[in-house]
Amino acid sequence: MNLVFLDPGRLTARLELEMRTEMPDGQGGALESWAVLCSLWAAIEPVSEAFHERASAEGVAITHRVWLTWRSDIAAGMRFRKGRRILGIRTVMDPDETRRFIVCRCEEESL
C-alpha cells in the first residue's frame, strides 16, 4: 500500500464543521438549521467546475477536495463553513487506510 504524504503545514484553512438539525415548526413540518460541531484546520484543493442550467437560470458547480487529519465523526451530508463559503460534504474517504488523514469531496454551495 502506498502511504499518502501530506505536509501538516498545508492545513492552513480554518473551517467549521456543521451538522444539519431539524426542529418542529408547530405545524407538522420541520425547520432546518445547522449546528457548529467544531473548528478544525484543513487544506482545500479546487478540483473542477461545471456549468449547468436549472429552471432557465445558469449556475456553476465547483468541487473541492478537503484534506484534514483523521476524524471518525465526519459523514456525507454535513458541511464545512469558511467565512461566507459553504462546502457541502458529498463523500468521505481515508486515502491510504491508515487513519492519518481524511479526504472529503465537497461541492461549494451558493448562498
PDB file of N, CA and C in Angstrom:
ATOM      1  N   MET A   1       0.843  -1.163   0.000  1.00  0.00           N
ATOM      2  CA  MET A   1       0.000   0.000   0.000  1.00  0.00           C
ATOM      3  C   MET A   1       0.894   1.234   0.000  1.00  0.00           C
ATOM      4  N   ASN A   2       0.572   2.201  -0.835  1.00  0.00           N
ATOM      5  CA  ASN A   2       1.311   3.454  -0.883  1.00  0.00           C
ATOM      6  C   ASN A   2       0.770   4.404   0.166  1.00  0.00           C
ATOM      7  N   LEU A   3       1.661   4.912   0.999  1.00  0.00           N
ATOM      8  CA  LEU A   3       1.248   5.873   2.012  1.00  0.00           C
ATOM      9  C   LEU A   3       1.168   7.259   1.397  1.00  0.00           C
ATOM     10  N   VAL A   4       0.161   7.994   1.770  1.00  0.00           N
ATOM     11  CA  VAL A   4      -0.023   9.360   1.299  1.00  0.00           C
ATOM     12  C   VAL A   4       0.757  10.280   2.221  1.00  0.00           C
ATOM     13  N   PHE A   5       1.547  11.188   1.630  1.00  0.00           N
ATOM     14  CA  PHE A   5       2.268  12.168   2.438  1.00  0.00           C
ATOM     15  C   PHE A   5       1.588  13.515   2.291  1.00  0.00           C
ATOM     16  N   LEU A   6       1.289  14.130   3.398  1.00  0.00           N
ATOM     17  CA  LEU A   6       0.722  15.478   3.408  1.00  0.00           C
ATOM     18  C   LEU A   6       1.484  16.273   4.451  1.00  0.00           C
ATOM     19  N   ASP A   7       2.091  17.351   4.013  1.00  0.00           N
ATOM     20  CA  ASP A   7       2.803  18.231   4.933  1.00  0.00           C
ATOM     21  C   ASP A   7       1.773  18.915   5.829  1.00  0.00           C
ATOM     22  N   PRO A   8       1.857  18.739   7.152  1.00  0.00           N
ATOM     23  CA  PRO A   8       0.882  19.367   8.051  1.00  0.00           C
ATOM     24  C   PRO A   8       0.842  20.887   7.918  1.00  0.00           C
ATOM     25  N   GLY A   9       1.906  21.487   7.395  1.00  0.00           N
ATOM     26  CA  GLY A   9       1.919  22.932   7.177  1.00  0.00           C
ATOM     27  C   GLY A   9       0.955  23.388   6.102  1.00  0.00           C
ATOM     28  N   ARG A  10       0.431  22.450   5.299  1.00  0.00           N
ATOM     29  CA  ARG A  10      -0.563  22.800   4.271  1.00  0.00           C
ATOM     30  C   ARG A  10      -1.964  22.951   4.850  1.00  0.00           C
ATOM     31  N   LEU A  11      -2.177  22.518   6.081  1.00  0.00           N
ATOM     32  CA  LEU A  11      -3.504  22.622   6.703  1.00  0.00           C
ATOM     33  C   LEU A  11      -3.676  24.041   7.244  1.00  0.00           C
ATOM     34  N   THR A  12      -3.916  24.979   6.333  1.00  0.00           N
ATOM     35  CA  THR A  12      -3.936  26.398   6.696  1.00  0.00           C
ATOM     36  C   THR A  12      -5.325  27.023   6.698  1.00  0.00           C
ATOM     37  N   ALA A  13      -6.330  26.296   6.259  1.00  0.00           N
ATOM     38  CA  ALA A  13      -7.695  26.839   6.216  1.00  0.00           C
ATOM     39  C   ALA A  13      -8.421  26.465   7.506  1.00  0.00           C
ATOM     40  N   ARG A  14      -8.964  27.458   8.193  1.00  0.00           N
ATOM     41  CA  ARG A  14      -9.724  27.207   9.423  1.00  0.00           C
ATOM     42  C   ARG A  14     -11.188  27.046   9.032  1.00  0.00           C
ATOM     43  N   LEU A  15     -11.730  25.854   9.254  1.00  0.00           N
ATOM     44  CA  LEU A  15     -13.107  25.538   8.867  1.00  0.00           C
ATOM     45  C   LEU A  15     -13.936  25.205  10.091  1.00  0.00           C
ATOM     46  N   GLU A  16     -15.232  25.433   9.968  1.00  0.00           N
ATOM     47  CA  GLU A  16     -16.177  24.979  10.988  1.00  0.00           C
ATOM     48  C   GLU A  16     -16.942  23.802  10.407  1.00  0.00           C
ATOM     49  N   LEU A  17     -17.011  22.718  11.151  1.00  0.00           N
ATOM     50  CA  LEU A  17     -17.787  21.548  10.749  1.00  0.00           C
ATOM     51  C   LEU A  17     -19.201  21.726  11.279  1.00  0.00           C
ATOM     52  N   GLU A  18     -20.188  21.626  10.380  1.00  0.00           N
ATOM     53  CA  GLU A  18     -21.584  21.829  10.766  1.00  0.00           C
ATOM     54  C   GLU A  18     -22.416  20.591  10.446  1.00  0.00           C
ATOM     55  N   MET A  19     -23.420  20.365  11.285  1.00  0.00           N
ATOM     56  CA  MET A  19     -24.337  19.240  11.100  1.00  0.00           C
ATOM     57  C   MET A  19     -25.765  19.782  11.020  1.00  0.00           C
ATOM     58  N   ARG A  20     -26.549  19.210  10.128  1.00  0.00           N
ATOM     59  CA  ARG A  20     -27.936  19.657   9.941  1.00  0.00           C
ATOM     60  C   ARG A  20     -28.798  19.183  11.102  1.00  0.00           C
ATOM     61  N   THR A  21     -29.635  20.078  11.603  1.00  0.00           N
ATOM     62  CA  THR A  21     -30.595  19.727  12.649  1.00  0.00           C
ATOM     63  C   THR A  21     -31.979  20.172  12.199  1.00  0.00           C
ATOM     64  N   GLU A  22     -32.985  19.464  12.667  1.00  0.00           N
ATOM     65  CA  GLU A  22     -34.369  19.815  12.349  1.00  0.00           C
ATOM     66  C   GLU A  22     -35.128  20.056  13.635  1.00  0.00           C
ATOM     67  N   MET A  23     -35.890  21.130  13.650  1.00  0.00           N
ATOM     68  CA  MET A  23     -36.728  21.481  14.798  1.00  0.00           C
ATOM     69  C   MET A  23     -38.176  21.490  14.324  1.00  0.00           C
ATOM     70  N   PRO A  24     -39.125  20.974  15.109  1.00  0.00           N
ATOM     71  CA  PRO A  24     -40.536  21.031  14.721  1.00  0.00           C
ATOM     72  C   PRO A  24     -40.982  22.484  14.559  1.00  0.00           C
ATOM     73  N   ASP A  25     -41.777  22.732  13.513  1.00  0.00           N
ATOM     74  CA  ASP A  25     -42.243  24.102  13.287  1.00  0.00           C
ATOM     75  C   ASP A  25     -43.626  24.357  13.882  1.00  0.00           C
ATOM     76  N   GLY A  26     -44.204  23.373  14.559  1.00  0.00           N
ATOM     77  CA  GLY A  26     -45.506  23.548  15.190  1.00  0.00           C
ATOM     78  C   GLY A  26     -46.679  23.280  14.273  1.00  0.00           C
ATOM     79  N   GLN A  27     -46.417  23.002  13.000  1.00  0.00           N
ATOM     80  CA  GLN A  27     -47.490  22.744  12.049  1.00  0.00           C
ATOM     81  C   GLN A  27     -47.294  21.405  11.348  1.00  0.00           C
ATOM     82  N   GLY A  28     -46.529  20.517  11.960  1.00  0.00           N
ATOM     83  CA  GLY A  28     -46.308  19.196  11.387  1.00  0.00           C
ATOM     84  C   GLY A  28     -45.078  19.101  10.508  1.00  0.00           C
ATOM     85  N   GLY A  29     -44.434  20.207  10.266  1.00  0.00           N
ATOM     86  CA  GLY A  29     -43.219  20.204   9.448  1.00  0.00           C
ATOM     87  C   GLY A  29     -41.989  20.387  10.317  1.00  0.00           C
ATOM     88  N   ALA A  30     -40.911  20.749   9.674  1.00  0.00           N
ATOM     89  CA  ALA A  30     -39.658  20.940  10.407  1.00  0.00           C
ATOM     90  C   ALA A  30     -38.897  22.124   9.830  1.00  0.00           C
ATOM     91  N   LEU A  31     -38.202  22.818  10.707  1.00  0.00           N
ATOM     92  CA  LEU A  31     -37.319  23.904  10.304  1.00  0.00           C
ATOM     93  C   LEU A  31     -35.893  23.374  10.298  1.00  0.00           C
ATOM     94  N   GLU A  32     -35.197  23.594   9.203  1.00  0.00           N
ATOM     95  CA  GLU A  32     -33.817  23.127   9.083  1.00  0.00           C
ATOM     96  C   GLU A  32     -32.868  24.211   9.569  1.00  0.00           C
ATOM     97  N   SER A  33     -31.889  23.810  10.356  1.00  0.00           N
ATOM     98  CA  SER A  33     -30.824  24.724  10.761  1.00  0.00           C
ATOM     99  C   SER A  33     -29.527  23.930  10.832  1.00  0.00           C
ATOM    100  N   TRP A  34     -28.430  24.627  11.007  1.00  0.00           N
ATOM    101  CA  TRP A  34     -27.113  23.998  11.047  1.00  0.00           C
ATOM    102  C   TRP A  34     -26.444  24.341  12.360  1.00  0.00           C
ATOM    103  N   ALA A  35     -25.908  23.324  13.031  1.00  0.00           N
ATOM    104  CA  ALA A  35     -25.218  23.497  14.312  1.00  0.00           C
ATOM    105  C   ALA A  35     -23.723  23.266  14.107  1.00  0.00           C
ATOM    106  N   VAL A  36     -22.912  24.157  14.665  1.00  0.00           N
ATOM    107  CA  VAL A  36     -21.457  24.019  14.575  1.00  0.00           C
ATOM    108  C   VAL A  36     -21.005  22.950  15.561  1.00  0.00           C
ATOM    109  N   LEU A  37     -20.278  21.947  15.061  1.00  0.00           N
ATOM    110  CA  LEU A  37     -19.760  20.877  15.913  1.00  0.00           C
ATOM    111  C   LEU A  37     -18.368  21.203  16.438  1.00  0.00           C
ATOM    112  N   CYS A  38     -17.506  21.737  15.554  1.00  0.00           N
ATOM    113  CA  CYS A  38     -16.140  22.057  15.966  1.00  0.00           C
ATOM    114  C   CYS A  38     -15.463  22.902  14.889  1.00  0.00           C
ATOM    115  N   SER A  39     -14.329  23.462  15.236  1.00  0.00           N
ATOM    116  CA  SER A  39     -13.463  24.151  14.279  1.00  0.00           C
ATOM    117  C   SER A  39     -12.247  23.272  14.055  1.00  0.00           C
ATOM    118  N   LEU A  40     -11.749  23.254  12.822  1.00  0.00           N
ATOM    119  CA  LEU A  40     -10.602  22.415  12.513  1.00  0.00           C
ATOM    120  C   LEU A  40      -9.762  23.033  11.408  1.00  0.00           C
ATOM    121  N   TRP A  41      -8.532  22.555  11.287  1.00  0.00           N
ATOM    122  CA  TRP A  41      -7.613  23.014  10.244  1.00  0.00           C
ATOM    123  C   TRP A  41      -7.664  22.041   9.077  1.00  0.00           C
ATOM    124  N   ALA A  42      -7.630  22.583   7.851  1.00  0.00           N
ATOM    125  CA  ALA A  42      -7.735  21.749   6.654  1.00  0.00           C
ATOM    126  C   ALA A  42      -6.976  22.378   5.495  1.00  0.00           C
ATOM    127  N   ALA A  43      -6.777  21.592   4.454  1.00  0.00           N
ATOM    128  CA  ALA A  43      -6.240  22.069   3.180  1.00  0.00           C
ATOM    129  C   ALA A  43      -7.354  21.926   2.150  1.00  0.00           C
ATOM    130  N   ILE A  44      -7.608  22.983   1.389  1.00  0.00           N
ATOM    131  CA  ILE A  44      -8.674  22.971   0.381  1.00  0.00           C
ATOM    132  C   ILE A  44      -8.042  23.014  -1.001  1.00  0.00           C
ATOM    133  N   GLU A  45      -8.402  22.051  -1.859  1.00  0.00           N
ATOM    134  CA  GLU A  45      -7.917  21.995  -3.240  1.00  0.00           C
ATOM    135  C   GLU A  45      -9.102  22.099  -4.195  1.00  0.00           C
ATOM    136  N   PRO A  46      -9.152  23.118  -5.057  1.00  0.00           N
ATOM    137  CA  PRO A  46     -10.192  23.146  -6.086  1.00  0.00           C
ATOM    138  C   PRO A  46      -9.973  21.986  -7.055  1.00  0.00           C
ATOM    139  N   VAL A  47     -11.059  21.335  -7.470  1.00  0.00           N
ATOM    140  CA  VAL A  47     -10.941  20.173  -8.353  1.00  0.00           C
ATOM    141  C   VAL A  47     -11.534  20.453  -9.725  1.00  0.00           C
ATOM    142  N   SER A  48     -12.791  20.879  -9.772  1.00  0.00           N
ATOM    143  CA  SER A  48     -13.430  21.079 -11.072  1.00  0.00           C
ATOM    144  C   SER A  48     -14.572  22.074 -10.961  1.00  0.00           C
ATOM    145  N   GLU A  49     -15.024  22.475 -12.121  1.00  0.00           N
ATOM    146  CA  GLU A  49     -16.208  23.325 -12.201  1.00  0.00           C
ATOM    147  C   GLU A  49     -17.074  22.811 -13.345  1.00  0.00           C
ATOM    148  N   ALA A  50     -18.361  22.949 -13.189  1.00  0.00           N
ATOM    149  CA  ALA A  50     -19.289  22.506 -14.228  1.00  0.00           C
ATOM    150  C   ALA A  50     -20.431  23.514 -14.309  1.00  0.00           C
ATOM    151  N   PHE A  51     -20.723  23.959 -15.516  1.00  0.00           N
ATOM    152  CA  PHE A  51     -21.825  24.891 -15.719  1.00  0.00           C
ATOM    153  C   PHE A  51     -23.106  24.105 -15.948  1.00  0.00           C
ATOM    154  N   HIS A  52     -24.206  24.619 -15.440  1.00  0.00           N
ATOM    155  CA  HIS A  52     -25.488  23.940 -15.604  1.00  0.00           C
ATOM    156  C   HIS A  52     -26.596  24.977 -15.720  1.00  0.00           C
ATOM    157  N   GLU A  53     -27.750  24.489 -16.150  1.00  0.00           N
ATOM    158  CA  GLU A  53     -28.927  25.352 -16.246  1.00  0.00           C
ATOM    159  C   GLU A  53     -30.065  24.670 -15.505  1.00  0.00           C
ATOM    160  N   ARG A  54     -30.649  25.385 -14.559  1.00  0.00           N
ATOM    161  CA  ARG A  54     -31.795  24.871 -13.804  1.00  0.00           C
ATOM    162  C   ARG A  54     -32.880  25.935 -13.807  1.00  0.00           C
ATOM    163  N   ALA A  55     -34.051  25.550 -14.215  1.00  0.00           N
ATOM    164  CA  ALA A  55     -35.197  26.463 -14.256  1.00  0.00           C
ATOM    165  C   ALA A  55     -34.845  27.738 -15.017  1.00  0.00           C
ATOM    166  N   SER A  56     -34.210  27.575 -16.167  1.00  0.00           N
ATOM    167  CA  SER A  56     -33.807  28.673 -17.045  1.00  0.00           C
ATOM    168  C   SER A  56     -32.810  29.632 -16.408  1.00  0.00           C
ATOM    169  N   ALA A  57     -32.131  29.212 -15.376  1.00  0.00           N
ATOM    170  CA  ALA A  57     -31.098  30.039 -14.749  1.00  0.00           C
ATOM    171  C   ALA A  57     -29.768  29.291 -14.828  1.00  0.00           C
ATOM    172  N   GLU A  58     -28.735  30.014 -15.231  1.00  0.00           N
ATOM    173  CA  GLU A  58     -27.422  29.395 -15.320  1.00  0.00           C
ATOM    174  C   GLU A  58     -26.759  29.373 -13.955  1.00  0.00           C
ATOM    175  N   GLY A  59     -25.971  28.343 -13.731  1.00  0.00           N
ATOM    176  CA  GLY A  59     -25.239  28.231 -12.477  1.00  0.00           C
ATOM    177  C   GLY A  59     -23.949  27.475 -12.700  1.00  0.00           C
ATOM    178  N   VAL A  60     -23.172  27.368 -11.654  1.00  0.00           N
ATOM    179  CA  VAL A  60     -21.915  26.646 -11.731  1.00  0.00           C
ATOM    180  C   VAL A  60     -21.755  25.808 -10.469  1.00  0.00           C
ATOM    181  N   ALA A  61     -21.274  24.588 -10.638  1.00  0.00           N
ATOM    182  CA  ALA A  61     -20.980  23.713  -9.502  1.00  0.00           C
ATOM    183  C   ALA A  61     -19.459  23.607  -9.401  1.00  0.00           C
ATOM    184  N   ILE A  62     -18.909  23.993  -8.262  1.00  0.00           N
ATOM    185  CA  ILE A  62     -17.468  23.949  -8.039  1.00  0.00           C
ATOM    186  C   ILE A  62     -17.189  22.881  -6.994  1.00  0.00           C
ATOM    187  N   THR A  63     -16.318  21.926  -7.339  1.00  0.00           N
ATOM    188  CA  THR A  63     -15.992  20.863  -6.390  1.00  0.00           C
ATOM    189  C   THR A  63     -14.584  21.080  -5.835  1.00  0.00           C
ATOM    190  N   HIS A  64     -14.390  20.591  -4.622  1.00  0.00           N
ATOM    191  CA  HIS A  64     -13.115  20.729  -3.915  1.00  0.00           C
ATOM    192  C   HIS A  64     -12.783  19.419  -3.231  1.00  0.00           C
ATOM    193  N   ARG A  65     -11.491  19.223  -2.985  1.00  0.00           N
ATOM    194  CA  ARG A  65     -11.017  18.173  -2.092  1.00  0.00           C
ATOM    195  C   ARG A  65     -10.580  18.873  -0.821  1.00  0.00           C
ATOM    196  N   VAL A  66     -11.078  18.422   0.320  1.00  0.00           N
ATOM    197  CA  VAL A  66     -10.698  18.994   1.611  1.00  0.00           C
ATOM    198  C   VAL A  66      -9.950  17.920   2.389  1.00  0.00           C
ATOM    199  N   TRP A  67      -8.690  18.211   2.718  1.00  0.00           N
ATOM    200  CA  TRP A  67      -7.831  17.286   3.468  1.00  0.00           C
ATOM    201  C   TRP A  67      -7.789  17.724   4.919  1.00  0.00           C
ATOM    202  N   LEU A  68      -7.927  16.774   5.828  1.00  0.00           N
ATOM    203  CA  LEU A  68      -7.785  17.074   7.245  1.00  0.00           C
ATOM    204  C   LEU A  68      -7.279  15.850   7.980  1.00  0.00           C
ATOM    205  N   THR A  69      -6.858  16.050   9.214  1.00  0.00           N
ATOM    206  CA  THR A  69      -6.387  14.913   9.997  1.00  0.00           C
ATOM    207  C   THR A  69      -7.576  14.021  10.336  1.00  0.00           C
ATOM    208  N   TRP A  70      -7.278  12.755  10.624  1.00  0.00           N
ATOM    209  CA  TRP A  70      -8.308  11.736  10.834  1.00  0.00           C
ATOM    210  C   TRP A  70      -9.321  12.151  11.891  1.00  0.00           C
ATOM    211  N   ARG A  71     -10.566  11.958  11.567  1.00  0.00           N
ATOM    212  CA  ARG A  71     -11.683  12.130  12.498  1.00  0.00           C
ATOM    213  C   ARG A  71     -12.703  11.055  12.150  1.00  0.00           C
ATOM    214  N   SER A  72     -13.363  10.522  13.145  1.00  0.00           N
ATOM    215  CA  SER A  72     -14.357   9.480  12.882  1.00  0.00           C
ATOM    216  C   SER A  72     -15.777  10.037  12.845  1.00  0.00           C
ATOM    217  N   ASP A  73     -15.941  11.331  13.106  1.00  0.00           N
ATOM    218  CA  ASP A  73     -17.283  11.902  13.225  1.00  0.00           C
ATOM    219  C   ASP A  73     -17.712  12.724  12.018  1.00  0.00           C
ATOM    220  N   ILE A  74     -17.064  12.559  10.876  1.00  0.00           N
ATOM    221  CA  ILE A  74     -17.433  13.299   9.670  1.00  0.00           C
ATOM    222  C   ILE A  74     -18.130  12.350   8.708  1.00  0.00           C
ATOM    223  N   ALA A  75     -19.250  12.809   8.141  1.00  0.00           N
ATOM    224  CA  ALA A  75     -20.021  11.970   7.221  1.00  0.00           C
ATOM    225  C   ALA A  75     -20.595  12.825   6.096  1.00  0.00           C
ATOM    226  N   ALA A  76     -20.953  12.160   5.003  1.00  0.00           N
ATOM    227  CA  ALA A  76     -21.624  12.845   3.905  1.00  0.00           C
ATOM    228  C   ALA A  76     -22.916  13.459   4.431  1.00  0.00           C
ATOM    229  N   GLY A  77     -23.259  14.630   3.922  1.00  0.00           N
ATOM    230  CA  GLY A  77     -24.454  15.330   4.379  1.00  0.00           C
ATOM    231  C   GLY A  77     -24.136  16.453   5.349  1.00  0.00           C
ATOM    232  N   MET A  78     -22.951  16.416   5.950  1.00  0.00           N
ATOM    233  CA  MET A  78     -22.511  17.526   6.791  1.00  0.00           C
ATOM    234  C   MET A  78     -21.932  18.603   5.873  1.00  0.00           C
ATOM    235  N   ARG A  79     -21.427  19.676   6.457  1.00  0.00           N
ATOM    236  CA  ARG A  79     -20.807  20.705   5.632  1.00  0.00           C
ATOM    237  C   ARG A  79     -19.722  21.438   6.413  1.00  0.00           C
ATOM    238  N   PHE A  80     -18.828  22.067   5.640  1.00  0.00           N
ATOM    239  CA  PHE A  80     -17.802  22.935   6.206  1.00  0.00           C
ATOM    240  C   PHE A  80     -18.184  24.372   5.890  1.00  0.00           C
ATOM    241  N   ARG A  81     -17.832  25.277   6.790  1.00  0.00           N
ATOM    242  CA  ARG A  81     -18.041  26.700   6.546  1.00  0.00           C
ATOM    243  C   ARG A  81     -16.707  27.406   6.732  1.00  0.00           C
ATOM    244  N   LYS A  82     -16.373  28.257   5.759  1.00  0.00           N
ATOM    245  CA  LYS A  82     -15.182  29.106   5.846  1.00  0.00           C
ATOM    246  C   LYS A  82     -15.642  30.520   5.542  1.00  0.00           C
ATOM    247  N   GLY A  83     -15.903  31.278   6.598  1.00  0.00           N
ATOM    248  CA  GLY A  83     -16.468  32.612   6.395  1.00  0.00           C
ATOM    249  C   GLY A  83     -17.853  32.485   5.788  1.00  0.00           C
ATOM    250  N   ARG A  84     -18.053  33.100   4.616  1.00  0.00           N
ATOM    251  CA  ARG A  84     -19.348  33.011   3.932  1.00  0.00           C
ATOM    252  C   ARG A  84     -19.418  31.824   2.969  1.00  0.00           C
ATOM    253  N   ARG A  85     -18.306  31.148   2.758  1.00  0.00           N
ATOM    254  CA  ARG A  85     -18.290  29.995   1.850  1.00  0.00           C
ATOM    255  C   ARG A  85     -18.799  28.752   2.562  1.00  0.00           C
ATOM    256  N   ILE A  86     -19.606  27.971   1.846  1.00  0.00           N
ATOM    257  CA  ILE A  86     -20.147  26.722   2.379  1.00  0.00           C
ATOM    258  C   ILE A  86     -19.741  25.592   1.439  1.00  0.00           C
ATOM    259  N   LEU A  87     -19.134  24.550   2.015  1.00  0.00           N
ATOM    260  CA  LEU A  87     -18.713  23.380   1.254  1.00  0.00           C
ATOM    261  C   LEU A  87     -19.498  22.175   1.751  1.00  0.00           C
ATOM    262  N   GLY A  88     -20.453  21.717   0.951  1.00  0.00           N
ATOM    263  CA  GLY A  88     -21.255  20.550   1.311  1.00  0.00           C
ATOM    264  C   GLY A  88     -20.461  19.271   1.100  1.00  0.00           C
ATOM    265  N   ILE A  89     -20.403  18.416   2.106  1.00  0.00           N
ATOM    266  CA  ILE A  89     -19.625  17.179   2.027  1.00  0.00           C
ATOM    267  C   ILE A  89     -20.434  16.129   1.266  1.00  0.00           C
ATOM    268  N   ARG A  90     -19.874  15.634   0.159  1.00  0.00           N
ATOM    269  CA  ARG A  90     -20.532  14.608  -0.653  1.00  0.00           C
ATOM    270  C   ARG A  90     -19.998  13.211  -0.330  1.00  0.00           C
ATOM    271  N   THR A  91     -18.674  13.062  -0.206  1.00  0.00           N
ATOM    272  CA  THR A  91     -18.073  11.772   0.142  1.00  0.00           C
ATOM    273  C   THR A  91     -16.929  11.988   1.124  1.00  0.00           C
ATOM    274  N   VAL A  92     -16.644  10.951   1.903  1.00  0.00           N
ATOM    275  CA  VAL A  92     -15.550  10.972   2.877  1.00  0.00           C
ATOM    276  C   VAL A  92     -14.744   9.695   2.691  1.00  0.00           C
ATOM    277  N   MET A  93     -13.415   9.824   2.608  1.00  0.00           N
ATOM    278  CA  MET A  93     -12.586   8.625   2.454  1.00  0.00           C
ATOM    279  C   MET A  93     -11.243   8.780   3.158  1.00  0.00           C
ATOM    280  N   ASP A  94     -10.673   7.656   3.517  1.00  0.00           N
ATOM    281  CA  ASP A  94      -9.326   7.578   4.081  1.00  0.00           C
ATOM    282  C   ASP A  94      -8.419   7.191   2.912  1.00  0.00           C
ATOM    283  N   PRO A  95      -7.564   8.101   2.413  1.00  0.00           N
ATOM    284  CA  PRO A  95      -6.851   7.846   1.156  1.00  0.00           C
ATOM    285  C   PRO A  95      -5.903   6.654   1.174  1.00  0.00           C
ATOM    286  N   ASP A  96      -5.296   6.332   2.310  1.00  0.00           N
ATOM    287  CA  ASP A  96      -4.396   5.177   2.350  1.00  0.00           C
ATOM    288  C   ASP A  96      -4.760   4.185   3.457  1.00  0.00           C
ATOM    289  N   GLU A  97      -5.939   4.335   4.020  1.00  0.00           N
ATOM    290  CA  GLU A  97      -6.497   3.432   5.036  1.00  0.00           C
ATOM    291  C   GLU A  97      -5.589   3.251   6.250  1.00  0.00           C
ATOM    292  N   THR A  98      -4.953   4.352   6.679  1.00  0.00           N
ATOM    293  CA  THR A  98      -4.091   4.308   7.863  1.00  0.00           C
ATOM    294  C   THR A  98      -4.641   5.158   9.003  1.00  0.00           C
ATOM    295  N   ARG A  99      -5.787   5.784   8.789  1.00  0.00           N
ATOM    296  CA  ARG A  99      -6.415   6.653   9.783  1.00  0.00           C
ATOM    297  C   ARG A  99      -5.514   7.820  10.191  1.00  0.00           C
ATOM    298  N   ARG A 100      -4.769   8.344   9.210  1.00  0.00           N
ATOM    299  CA  ARG A 100      -3.970   9.547   9.453  1.00  0.00           C
ATOM    300  C   ARG A 100      -4.664  10.776   8.901  1.00  0.00           C
ATOM    301  N   PHE A 101      -5.287  10.626   7.718  1.00  0.00           N
ATOM    302  CA  PHE A 101      -5.950  11.742   7.051  1.00  0.00           C
ATOM    303  C   PHE A 101      -7.331  11.323   6.580  1.00  0.00           C
ATOM    304  N   ILE A 102      -8.141  12.328   6.285  1.00  0.00           N
ATOM    305  CA  ILE A 102      -9.436  12.135   5.636  1.00  0.00           C
ATOM    306  C   ILE A 102      -9.468  13.090   4.453  1.00  0.00           C
ATOM    307  N   VAL A 103     -10.013  12.628   3.345  1.00  0.00           N
ATOM    308  CA  VAL A 103     -10.237  13.480   2.186  1.00  0.00           C
ATOM    309  C   VAL A 103     -11.735  13.532   1.954  1.00  0.00           C
ATOM    310  N   CYS A 104     -12.287  14.731   1.962  1.00  0.00           N
ATOM    311  CA  CYS A 104     -13.718  14.928   1.716  1.00  0.00           C
ATOM    312  C   CYS A 104     -13.893  15.541   0.336  1.00  0.00           C
ATOM    313  N   ARG A 105     -14.750  14.954  -0.466  1.00  0.00           N
ATOM    314  CA  ARG A 105     -15.110  15.539  -1.753  1.00  0.00           C
ATOM    315  C   ARG A 105     -16.289  16.452  -1.467  1.00  0.00           C
ATOM    316  N   CYS A 106     -16.136  17.736  -1.755  1.00  0.00           N
ATOM    317  CA  CYS A 106     -17.153  18.734  -1.395  1.00  0.00           C
ATOM    318  C   CYS A 106     -17.594  19.522  -2.613  1.00  0.00           C
ATOM    319  N   GLU A 107     -18.806  20.045  -2.539  1.00  0.00           N
ATOM    320  CA  GLU A 107     -19.322  20.936  -3.567  1.00  0.00           C
ATOM    321  C   GLU A 107     -19.656  22.266  -2.907  1.00  0.00           C
ATOM    322  N   GLU A 108     -19.137  23.339  -3.498  1.00  0.00           N
ATOM    323  CA  GLU A 108     -19.381  24.663  -2.933  1.00  0.00           C
ATOM    324  C   GLU A 108     -20.819  25.069  -3.216  1.00  0.00           C
ATOM    325  N   GLU A 109     -21.517  25.487  -2.176  1.00  0.00           N
ATOM    326  CA  GLU A 109     -22.918  25.869  -2.293  1.00  0.00           C
ATOM    327  C   GLU A 109     -23.019  27.382  -2.363  1.00  0.00           C
ATOM    328  N   SER A 110     -23.883  27.870  -3.240  1.00  0.00           N
ATOM    329  CA  SER A 110     -24.087  29.315  -3.324  1.00  0.00           C
ATOM    330  C   SER A 110     -25.166  29.719  -2.334  1.00  0.00           C
ATOM    331  N   LEU A 111     -25.016  30.912  -1.786  1.00  0.00           N
ATOM    332  CA  LEU A 111     -25.977  31.399  -0.786  1.00  0.00           C
ATOM    333  C   LEU A 111     -27.187  32.015  -1.428  1.00  0.00           C
TER     334      LEU A 111
END
